[in-house]
Amino acid sequence: QVQLVESGGGLAQPGGSLRLSCAASGFTFSSYAMSWARQAPGKGLEWVSGIYSDGSDTYYADSVKGRFTISRDNAKNTLYLQMNSLKPEDTALYYCAKDARQYGAVVADLYEYDYWGQGTQVTVSS
């Protein structure tokens, strides 16, 4: 069965960095676009970044553009999110998600994603 397991969250100071990982199994990882989304306390789910199946195209929400970098290692079935210049407003539960469409384009519409991990908490505070 499809499994997505995030790791790498924790506490970081403003201006600091964290690297999230998402280990995928149960499907052909290299055939699907993947995304990261987050949910801050008291707020809805927000799409953060996405990457095409072969890693050739990446996309970012305006709120993280220039600070976050998404990547993937298809040989290791792993998705990454490098987060730099962290801000307190980046505090959230971060999820990785699998696109429902094989070789689909990256979209910010969260309804297009059919499997989600359990999330990893990122807290940015001094």
Foldseek 3Di string as FASTA:
>chain_A
DWAWAKDWADEAAQQAKIKMKIAIDDDQQLFWKKFKWWDAPPGDIFTAKIAFSNRPDIDGDPVQPPFKDWGDDSVRRMIMIIGGSDDQVVWTWMKMFTFPDGRDDDDRPPVRTDDIHPTDTHGYHD
